[in-house]
């Protein structure tokens, strides 16, 4: 279980709402342990969320009132290897520094990077965040006065992302210090790949507008060839993955000149 003690009450309620969207149900006892607060605080959080219509209180916890409307490919993807993705996100988030302009690609692992950004970087204009990802937008919008740039475009529900010519045009007007990109496959031969051509276009444009590019991908993605390429491997500077990654695959990636971090 990821330690989430120390977050603000508002951030805690956002995390609870996100957990409900993924799992459908939460218990007071589990949430109190996860966040390191009292049962009374969690019950107060659930009462506030129930008042806004996001949850329905039940004995010992709450159930989601919105999950059925929002279930889809992204929600199912976010559940896969969730703890591993959280570790990868936490490791990748340490690469962000004060004053950075940070672009977040779509994808459930990239969203975990935003979730684990240090509290000191969540205040005001400590960083500038740019994204086409709805989960990232939801996360960063809970911060205290964030400097957040929302890219426009066509909404893809299965990816919870904005894509298309408008998104690309917006990106081409920007330059970033660091970008975090996701993928559904990564090999030395084919580079980073994704199931959707419009997602690939956005990823490629993000890479072209960023001085440092970090790919975040759990070990199940390594060695897999997806449907359409995003960028060749040489276009990224670093891969953050998990400790279960095949050592031979990591060695090939390092030989291609890519720094590798395992979480």
Protein backbone atom coordinates (compact mmCIF):
# COMPACT_ATOMS: atom_id res chain seq x y z
CA UNK A 1 0.00 0.00 0.00
CA UNK A 2 1.34 3.45 -0.95
CA UNK A 3 1.91 5.79 2.03
CA UNK A 4 -0.23 8.89 1.45
CA UNK A 5 0.06 10.47 4.88
CA UNK A 6 0.72 14.21 4.84
CA UNK A 7 -1.57 15.17 1.96
CA UNK A 8 -4.11 17.94 2.50
CA UNK A 9 -7.75 17.15 3.27
CA UNK A 10 -8.75 18.36 -0.21
CA UNK A 11 -6.13 16.17 -1.89
CA UNK A 12 -7.18 13.24 0.29
CA UNK A 13 -10.78 13.56 -0.88
CA UNK A 14 -9.62 13.63 -4.51
CA UNK A 15 -7.63 10.43 -3.91
CA UNK A 16 -10.66 8.82 -2.27
CA UNK A 17 -12.85 9.80 -5.23
CA UNK A 18 -10.29 8.36 -7.68
CA UNK A 19 -10.10 5.12 -5.69
CA UNK A 20 -13.88 4.84 -5.83
CA UNK A 21 -13.86 5.35 -9.59
CA UNK A 22 -11.39 2.49 -9.93
CA UNK A 23 -12.61 0.07 -7.25
CA UNK A 24 -16.27 1.03 -6.84
CA UNK A 25 -16.20 0.75 -3.03
CA UNK A 26 -14.03 1.89 -0.10
CA UNK A 27 -14.03 1.22 3.64
CA UNK A 28 -13.45 3.75 6.40
CA UNK A 29 -10.91 1.49 8.11
CA UNK A 30 -8.80 0.96 4.97
CA UNK A 31 -8.80 4.66 4.11
CA UNK A 32 -7.85 5.68 7.65
CA UNK A 33 -4.86 3.32 7.50
CA UNK A 34 -3.86 4.45 4.00
CA UNK A 35 -3.86 8.16 4.83
CA UNK A 36 -2.77 7.93 8.45
CA UNK A 37 -5.79 9.81 9.82
CA UNK A 38 -8.66 8.99 12.15
CA UNK A 39 -11.90 7.26 11.21
CA UNK A 40 -13.66 10.52 12.07
CA UNK A 41 -11.67 12.41 9.40
CA UNK A 42 -12.47 9.79 6.77
CA UNK A 43 -16.17 9.82 7.63
CA UNK A 44 -16.11 13.62 7.26
CA UNK A 45 -14.45 13.25 3.85
CA UNK A 46 -17.08 10.75 2.72
CA UNK A 47 -19.88 13.02 3.95
CA UNK A 48 -18.48 15.91 1.90
CA UNK A 49 -18.12 13.71 -1.20
CA UNK A 50 -21.64 12.39 -0.69
CA UNK A 51 -22.90 15.97 -0.49
CA UNK A 52 -21.44 16.67 -3.94
CA UNK A 53 -23.04 13.52 -5.34
CA UNK A 54 -19.74 11.73 -6.00
CA UNK A 55 -20.33 8.88 -3.55
CA UNK A 56 -23.10 7.12 -1.65
CA UNK A 57 -22.52 6.29 1.99
CA UNK A 58 -22.98 2.68 3.05
CA UNK A 59 -22.28 0.90 6.32
CA UNK A 60 -18.53 1.05 7.00
CA UNK A 61 -17.64 3.08 3.92
CA UNK A 62 -18.97 4.31 0.58
CA UNK A 63 -19.68 3.25 -2.99
CA UNK A 64 -19.22 5.23 -6.19
CA UNK A 65 -22.18 6.92 -7.87
CA UNK A 66 -20.18 7.70 -11.04
CA UNK A 67 -18.17 4.56 -11.72
CA UNK A 68 -20.70 2.99 -14.08
CA UNK A 69 -20.71 6.13 -16.22
CA UNK A 70 -16.94 6.33 -16.36
CA UNK A 71 -15.87 2.72 -16.68
CA UNK A 72 -14.05 2.06 -19.92
CA UNK A 73 -10.75 1.04 -21.41
CA UNK A 74 -8.77 3.61 -19.45
CA UNK A 75 -10.29 2.63 -16.09
CA UNK A 76 -9.50 -1.02 -16.74
CA UNK A 77 -5.97 -0.15 -17.84
CA UNK A 78 -5.39 1.91 -14.72
CA UNK A 79 -6.16 -1.15 -12.58
CA UNK A 80 -3.46 -3.26 -14.25
CA UNK A 81 -0.26 -3.36 -12.16
CA UNK A 82 -1.49 -0.35 -10.20
CA UNK A 83 0.99 -0.70 -7.33
CA UNK A 84 3.90 -1.11 -9.75
CA UNK A 85 2.81 1.94 -11.72
CA UNK A 86 2.63 3.92 -8.49
CA UNK A 87 6.24 3.00 -7.68
CA UNK A 88 7.35 3.99 -11.17
CA UNK A 89 5.45 7.28 -10.87
CA UNK A 90 7.03 8.04 -7.51
CA UNK A 91 10.54 7.40 -8.86
CA UNK A 92 9.94 9.47 -12.00
CA UNK A 93 8.45 12.38 -10.04
CA UNK A 94 11.78 12.93 -8.27
CA UNK A 95 13.23 14.07 -11.61
CA UNK A 96 11.10 17.24 -11.55
CA UNK A 97 12.70 20.38 -10.13
CA UNK A 98 11.45 23.80 -9.09
CA UNK A 99 10.85 26.08 -12.08
CA UNK A 100 10.52 23.23 -14.57
CA UNK A 101 8.05 23.29 -17.43
CA UNK A 102 6.71 19.72 -17.39
CA UNK A 103 4.63 18.02 -20.08
CA UNK A 104 2.56 15.01 -19.11
CA UNK A 105 1.50 12.64 -21.89
CA UNK A 106 -1.64 10.51 -21.53
CA UNK A 107 -1.58 7.06 -19.95
CA UNK A 108 -2.13 5.57 -16.52
CA UNK A 109 1.57 5.35 -15.61
CA UNK A 110 2.19 8.96 -16.58
CA UNK A 111 -0.77 9.95 -14.39
CA UNK A 112 1.03 8.32 -11.45
CA UNK A 113 3.95 10.70 -11.97
CA UNK A 114 1.65 13.68 -11.40
CA UNK A 115 0.12 11.98 -8.37
CA UNK A 116 3.53 11.61 -6.69
CA UNK A 117 5.02 15.07 -7.26
CA UNK A 118 6.58 16.44 -4.07
CA UNK A 119 4.37 18.72 -1.92
CA UNK A 120 6.90 21.57 -2.27
CA UNK A 121 6.30 21.61 -6.05
CA UNK A 122 2.50 21.64 -5.78
CA UNK A 123 2.21 25.25 -4.65
CA UNK A 124 1.52 28.16 -6.98
CA UNK A 125 3.92 28.40 -9.90
CA UNK A 126 6.64 26.13 -8.51
CA UNK A 127 6.32 24.24 -11.80
CA UNK A 128 4.38 24.74 -15.00
CA UNK A 129 2.38 21.64 -15.90
CA UNK A 130 1.16 21.00 -19.46
CA UNK A 131 -1.05 18.06 -20.38
CA UNK A 132 -3.68 16.54 -22.65
CA UNK A 133 -4.53 13.90 -20.01
CA UNK A 134 -7.80 14.22 -18.11
CA UNK A 135 -6.55 12.17 -15.10
CA UNK A 136 -3.52 14.46 -14.85
CA UNK A 137 -5.76 17.52 -15.11
CA UNK A 138 -7.97 16.17 -12.32
CA UNK A 139 -4.94 15.54 -10.11
CA UNK A 140 -3.17 18.86 -10.60
CA UNK A 141 -6.39 20.88 -10.37
CA UNK A 142 -6.53 19.88 -6.67
CA UNK A 143 -3.27 21.70 -5.94
CA UNK A 144 -3.09 25.12 -4.35
CA UNK A 145 -3.16 27.59 -7.27
CA UNK A 146 -1.36 25.43 -9.85
CA UNK A 147 0.18 26.85 -13.03
CA UNK A 148 -1.60 24.40 -15.32
CA UNK A 149 -1.84 24.54 -19.12
CA UNK A 150 -4.69 22.45 -20.53
CA UNK A 151 -4.21 21.41 -24.15
CA UNK A 152 -7.27 21.49 -26.37
CA UNK A 153 -8.42 18.91 -28.88
CA UNK A 154 -10.72 16.01 -29.60
CA UNK A 155 -11.56 13.87 -26.55
CA UNK A 156 -10.87 10.12 -26.72
CA UNK A 157 -12.87 8.49 -23.88
CA UNK A 158 -10.98 5.18 -23.97
CA UNK A 159 -7.72 7.04 -23.35
CA UNK A 160 -9.13 9.96 -21.32
CA UNK A 161 -6.98 12.20 -23.50
CA UNK A 162 -7.28 15.12 -25.90
CA UNK A 163 -5.80 14.57 -29.37
CA UNK A 164 -5.83 15.89 -32.91
CA UNK A 165 -4.67 18.97 -34.84
CA UNK A 166 -5.58 21.44 -32.09
CA UNK A 167 -3.58 19.53 -29.48
CA UNK A 168 -0.58 19.38 -31.81
CA UNK A 169 -0.86 23.08 -32.65
CA UNK A 170 -0.96 23.96 -28.94
CA UNK A 171 2.12 21.83 -28.25
CA UNK A 172 4.10 23.38 -31.09
CA UNK A 173 3.76 26.77 -29.37
CA UNK A 174 5.47 25.40 -26.23
CA UNK A 175 8.89 24.24 -25.07
CA UNK A 176 9.36 22.00 -22.03
CA UNK A 177 12.23 21.18 -19.70
CA UNK A 178 11.05 17.60 -19.15
CA UNK A 179 8.33 15.37 -20.56
CA UNK A 180 6.90 12.10 -19.32
CA UNK A 181 5.56 9.78 -22.00
CA UNK A 182 3.85 6.41 -21.80
CA UNK A 183 3.56 3.47 -24.18
CA UNK A 184 2.02 0.03 -24.51
CA UNK A 185 5.19 -1.48 -25.93
CA UNK A 186 8.91 -0.76 -26.05
CA UNK A 187 11.64 -2.52 -28.00
CA UNK A 188 15.06 -1.51 -29.30
CA UNK A 189 13.89 -2.13 -32.88
CA UNK A 190 10.50 -0.40 -32.85
CA UNK A 191 10.94 2.10 -30.03
CA UNK A 192 7.84 3.22 -28.13
CA UNK A 193 4.48 2.07 -29.49
CA UNK A 194 0.78 2.64 -28.77
CA UNK A 195 -2.56 1.20 -29.97
CA UNK A 196 -3.89 4.50 -31.37
CA UNK A 197 -2.40 6.62 -34.18
CA UNK A 198 -3.73 9.88 -32.71
CA UNK A 199 -2.15 9.10 -29.34
CA UNK A 200 1.10 8.38 -31.20
CA UNK A 201 1.00 11.78 -32.92
CA UNK A 202 0.65 13.57 -29.60
CA UNK A 203 3.46 11.56 -28.00
CA UNK A 204 5.80 12.31 -30.91
CA UNK A 205 5.01 16.03 -30.75
CA UNK A 206 5.57 16.12 -26.97
CA UNK A 207 8.99 14.50 -27.48
CA UNK A 208 9.93 17.03 -30.16
CA UNK A 209 9.10 19.98 -27.86
CA UNK A 210 10.98 18.73 -24.77
CA UNK A 211 14.61 19.05 -23.77
CA UNK A 212 14.53 15.88 -21.67
CA UNK A 213 12.23 12.92 -22.32
CA UNK A 214 11.44 10.25 -19.75
CA UNK A 215 9.50 7.13 -20.76
CA UNK A 216 7.58 5.46 -17.94
CA UNK A 217 6.58 1.84 -18.54
CA UNK A 218 6.13 -1.21 -16.34
CA UNK A 219 8.11 -4.35 -17.11
CA UNK A 220 5.25 -6.01 -19.01
CA UNK A 221 5.68 -3.41 -21.77
CA UNK A 222 9.35 -4.19 -22.43
CA UNK A 223 9.89 -6.40 -25.46
CA UNK A 224 6.32 -5.86 -26.67
CA UNK A 225 5.64 -4.40 -30.13
CA UNK A 226 2.46 -2.34 -30.23
CA UNK A 227 0.32 -1.29 -33.17
CA UNK A 228 1.87 2.03 -34.19
CA UNK A 229 5.19 3.73 -33.32
CA UNK A 230 5.41 6.88 -31.23
CA UNK A 231 9.15 7.59 -31.42
CA UNK A 232 12.32 5.52 -31.85
CA UNK A 233 14.16 4.55 -28.69
CA UNK A 234 16.96 7.06 -29.37
CA UNK A 235 14.43 9.90 -28.98
CA UNK A 236 14.13 9.31 -25.22
CA UNK A 237 16.73 10.08 -22.56
CA UNK A 238 15.58 7.83 -19.73
CA UNK A 239 13.36 4.84 -19.02
CA UNK A 240 11.79 4.40 -15.59
CA UNK A 241 10.47 0.88 -15.10
CA UNK A 242 10.11 -1.66 -12.28
CA UNK A 243 12.47 -4.14 -10.68
CA UNK A 244 10.84 -7.11 -12.46
CA UNK A 245 12.11 -5.96 -15.84
CA UNK A 246 14.14 -8.52 -17.80
CA UNK A 247 17.85 -7.72 -17.17
CA UNK A 248 18.74 -8.65 -20.75
CA UNK A 249 16.14 -6.24 -22.13
CA UNK A 250 17.42 -3.46 -19.87
CA UNK A 251 20.99 -4.12 -21.00
CA UNK A 252 19.98 -3.72 -24.64
CA UNK A 253 18.22 -0.46 -23.79
CA UNK A 254 21.30 0.83 -21.96
CA UNK A 255 23.47 -0.08 -24.94
CA UNK A 256 21.21 2.13 -27.04
CA UNK A 257 22.35 5.03 -24.86
CA UNK A 258 19.26 5.26 -22.67
CA UNK A 259 19.59 5.76 -18.92
CA UNK A 260 17.50 3.19 -17.03
CA UNK A 261 16.00 3.61 -13.55
CA UNK A 262 14.21 0.73 -11.82
CA UNK A 263 11.70 1.49 -9.08
